[in-house]
C-alpha atoms as a PDB file:
ATOM      1  CA  MET A   1     113.875  80.014  75.293  1.00  0.00           C
ATOM      2  CA  ASN A   2     114.501  83.634  76.220  1.00  0.00           C
ATOM      3  CA  LYS A   3     116.505  84.610  79.268  1.00  0.00           C
ATOM      4  CA  ILE A   4     114.798  86.172  82.247  1.00  0.00           C
ATOM      5  CA  ASN A   5     115.157  89.955  82.162  1.00  0.00           C
ATOM      6  CA  LYS A   6     116.294  91.166  85.605  1.00  0.00           C
ATOM      7  CA  ASN A   7     114.982  94.676  84.997  1.00  0.00           C
ATOM      8  CA  HIS A   8     111.513  93.297  84.309  1.00  0.00           C
ATOM      9  CA  ILE A   9     111.673  91.173  87.475  1.00  0.00           C
ATOM     10  CA  VAL A  10     112.644  94.217  89.559  1.00  0.00           C
ATOM     11  CA  LEU A  11     109.861  96.280  87.992  1.00  0.00           C
ATOM     12  CA  SER A  12     107.264  93.572  88.618  1.00  0.00           C
ATOM     13  CA  LEU A  13     108.416  93.181  92.254  1.00  0.00           C
ATOM     14  CA  LEU A  14     108.134  96.936  92.790  1.00  0.00           C
ATOM     15  CA  LEU A  15     104.687  97.069  91.202  1.00  0.00           C
ATOM     16  CA  CYS A  16     103.401  94.177  93.302  1.00  0.00           C
ATOM     17  CA  PHE A  17     104.864  95.718  96.444  1.00  0.00           C
ATOM     18  CA  LEU A  18     103.504  99.230  95.787  1.00  0.00           C
ATOM     19  CA  VAL A  19     100.008  98.344  94.522  1.00  0.00           C
ATOM     20  CA  PRO A  20      98.520  97.910  98.031  1.00  0.00           C
ATOM     21  CA  LEU A  21      99.908 101.279  99.067  1.00  0.00           C
ATOM     22  CA  PHE A  22      98.244 103.237  96.274  1.00  0.00           C
ATOM     23  CA  ILE A  23      94.997 101.379  95.522  1.00  0.00           C
ATOM     24  CA  PRO A  24      92.407 101.418  98.316  1.00  0.00           C
ATOM     25  CA  SER A  25      90.434  98.346  99.268  1.00  0.00           C
ATOM     26  CA  SER A  26      86.776  97.892 100.025  1.00  0.00           C
ATOM     27  CA  LEU A  27      85.453  96.392 103.248  1.00  0.00           C
ATOM     28  CA  SER A  28      84.940  92.636 103.143  1.00  0.00           C
ATOM     29  CA  THR A  29      82.628  91.126 105.763  1.00  0.00           C
ATOM     30  CA  ASP A  30      83.195  87.389 105.506  1.00  0.00           C
ATOM     31  CA  GLY A  31      82.472  86.647 109.159  1.00  0.00           C
ATOM     32  CA  LYS A  32      85.039  89.246 110.259  1.00  0.00           C
ATOM     33  CA  GLU A  33      85.537  92.730 108.869  1.00  0.00           C
ATOM     34  CA  SER A  34      88.683  92.894 106.758  1.00  0.00           C
ATOM     35  CA  TYR A  35      90.373  94.717 103.930  1.00  0.00           C
ATOM     36  CA  VAL A  36      92.167  92.781 101.179  1.00  0.00           C
ATOM     37  CA  TYR A  37      94.923  94.191  98.958  1.00  0.00           C
ATOM     38  CA  GLY A  38      96.769  93.073  95.845  1.00  0.00           C
ATOM     39  CA  LEU A  39      96.280  92.921  92.101  1.00  0.00           C
ATOM     40  CA  PRO A  40      95.583  90.740  90.141  1.00  0.00           C
ATOM     41  CA  LEU A  41      95.318  88.338  93.108  1.00  0.00           C
ATOM     42  CA  GLU A  42      94.816  89.447  96.709  1.00  0.00           C
ATOM     43  CA  TYR A  43      97.767  88.644  98.964  1.00  0.00           C
ATOM     44  CA  VAL A  44      97.443  90.983 101.981  1.00  0.00           C
ATOM     45  CA  THR A  45      94.490  90.882 104.380  1.00  0.00           C
ATOM     46  CA  ILE A  46      94.103  93.296 107.293  1.00  0.00           C
ATOM     47  CA  TYR A  47      91.427  92.495 109.890  1.00  0.00           C
ATOM     48  CA  GLN A  48      89.777  95.457 111.638  1.00  0.00           C
ATOM     49  CA  GLN A  49      87.722  95.940 114.777  1.00  0.00           C
ATOM     50  CA  ASN A  50      86.477  99.393 113.814  1.00  0.00           C
ATOM     51  CA  PRO A  51      86.874  99.821 110.044  1.00  0.00           C
ATOM     52  CA  ASN A  52      87.281 103.430 108.977  1.00  0.00           C
ATOM     53  CA  SER A  53      89.295 103.613 105.750  1.00  0.00           C
ATOM     54  CA  GLY A  54      90.239 101.539 102.742  1.00  0.00           C
ATOM     55  CA  TRP A  55      93.803 102.849 102.555  1.00  0.00           C
ATOM     56  CA  PHE A  56      96.640 100.503 103.510  1.00  0.00           C
ATOM     57  CA  PHE A  57      98.567 102.848 105.845  1.00  0.00           C
ATOM     58  CA  ASP A  58      95.454 103.796 107.829  1.00  0.00           C
ATOM     59  CA  ASN A  59      94.517 100.169 108.336  1.00  0.00           C
ATOM     60  CA  PHE A  60      98.045  98.939 109.008  1.00  0.00           C
ATOM     61  CA  PHE A  61      98.878 101.496 111.705  1.00  0.00           C
ATOM     62  CA  ASN A  62      95.443 102.242 113.241  1.00  0.00           C
ATOM     63  CA  GLY A  63      93.651  99.547 115.174  1.00  0.00           C
ATOM     64  CA  ASN A  64      94.055  96.395 113.151  1.00  0.00           C
ATOM     65  CA  THR A  65      93.400  93.085 114.882  1.00  0.00           C
ATOM     66  CA  GLY A  66      95.395  90.950 112.491  1.00  0.00           C
ATOM     67  CA  LEU A  67      97.434  90.842 109.331  1.00  0.00           C
ATOM     68  CA  ALA A  68      97.715  87.947 106.893  1.00  0.00           C
ATOM     69  CA  ILE A  69     100.255  87.922 104.066  1.00  0.00           C
ATOM     70  CA  ASN A  70     100.218  85.095 101.549  1.00  0.00           C
ATOM     71  CA  PRO A  71     103.705  84.794  99.983  1.00  0.00           C
ATOM     72  CA  GLY A  72     102.559  82.190  97.449  1.00  0.00           C
ATOM     73  CA  THR A  73      99.960  84.517  95.988  1.00  0.00           C
ATOM     74  CA  PHE A  74     102.514  87.339  96.005  1.00  0.00           C
ATOM     75  CA  ALA A  75     104.900  85.173  93.955  1.00  0.00           C
ATOM     76  CA  ILE A  76     102.118  84.328  91.493  1.00  0.00           C
ATOM     77  CA  ASN A  77     101.345  88.062  91.177  1.00  0.00           C
ATOM     78  CA  VAL A  78     105.011  88.788  90.437  1.00  0.00           C
ATOM     79  CA  ILE A  79     105.018  86.118  87.725  1.00  0.00           C
ATOM     80  CA  ILE A  80     101.793  87.436  86.156  1.00  0.00           C
ATOM     81  CA  VAL A  81     103.012  91.044  86.185  1.00  0.00           C
ATOM     82  CA  TYR A  82     106.406  89.940  84.808  1.00  0.00           C
ATOM     83  CA  LEU A  83     104.734  88.159  81.891  1.00  0.00           C
ATOM     84  CA  ILE A  84     102.573  91.208  81.154  1.00  0.00           C
ATOM     85  CA  ILE A  85     105.596  93.537  81.235  1.00  0.00           C
ATOM     86  CA  ARG A  86     107.579  91.127  79.074  1.00  0.00           C
ATOM     87  CA  PHE A  87     104.753  90.919  76.520  1.00  0.00           C
ATOM     88  CA  ILE A  88     104.306  94.704  76.365  1.00  0.00           C
ATOM     89  CA  SER A  89     108.034  95.376  76.071  1.00  0.00           C
ATOM     90  CA  SER A  90     108.478  92.777  73.330  1.00  0.00           C
ATOM     91  CA  ARG A  91     105.615  94.306  71.319  1.00  0.00           C
ATOM     92  CA  PHE A  92     107.010  97.798  71.834  1.00  0.00           C
ATOM     93  CA  TYR A  93     110.525  96.651  70.842  1.00  0.00           C
ATOM     94  CA  LYS A  94     109.267  94.936  67.667  1.00  0.00           C
ATOM     95  CA  LYS A  95     107.244  98.014  66.735  1.00  0.00           C
ATOM     96  CA  ASN A  96     110.224 100.368  67.218  1.00  0.00           C
ATOM     97  CA  LYS A  97     112.575  98.002  65.408  1.00  0.00           C
ATOM     98  CA  SER A  98     110.424  98.032  62.272  1.00  0.00           C
ATOM     99  CA  ILE A  99     110.401 101.840  62.087  1.00  0.00           C
END
């Protein structure tokens, strides 16, 4: 079994942390108006009284009525992104090694 690469873990943590900041959300109206953030799984939900923007900073600092963060889903996202980064880097390393 391969060892866990700390650089890949740090990169996946940064990606999962920064994705909500740079990818806007769409309005979800499941009983209460909210915006959900996170890829591939959603782990941050911001509830709004008067929705006006899909961007994280606008919703976080302007008139939100609640914030829900799911740490379990965040951890699953980190694992998924880590596995993707690990797969891509191993393919890239094998390709460069054969040249």
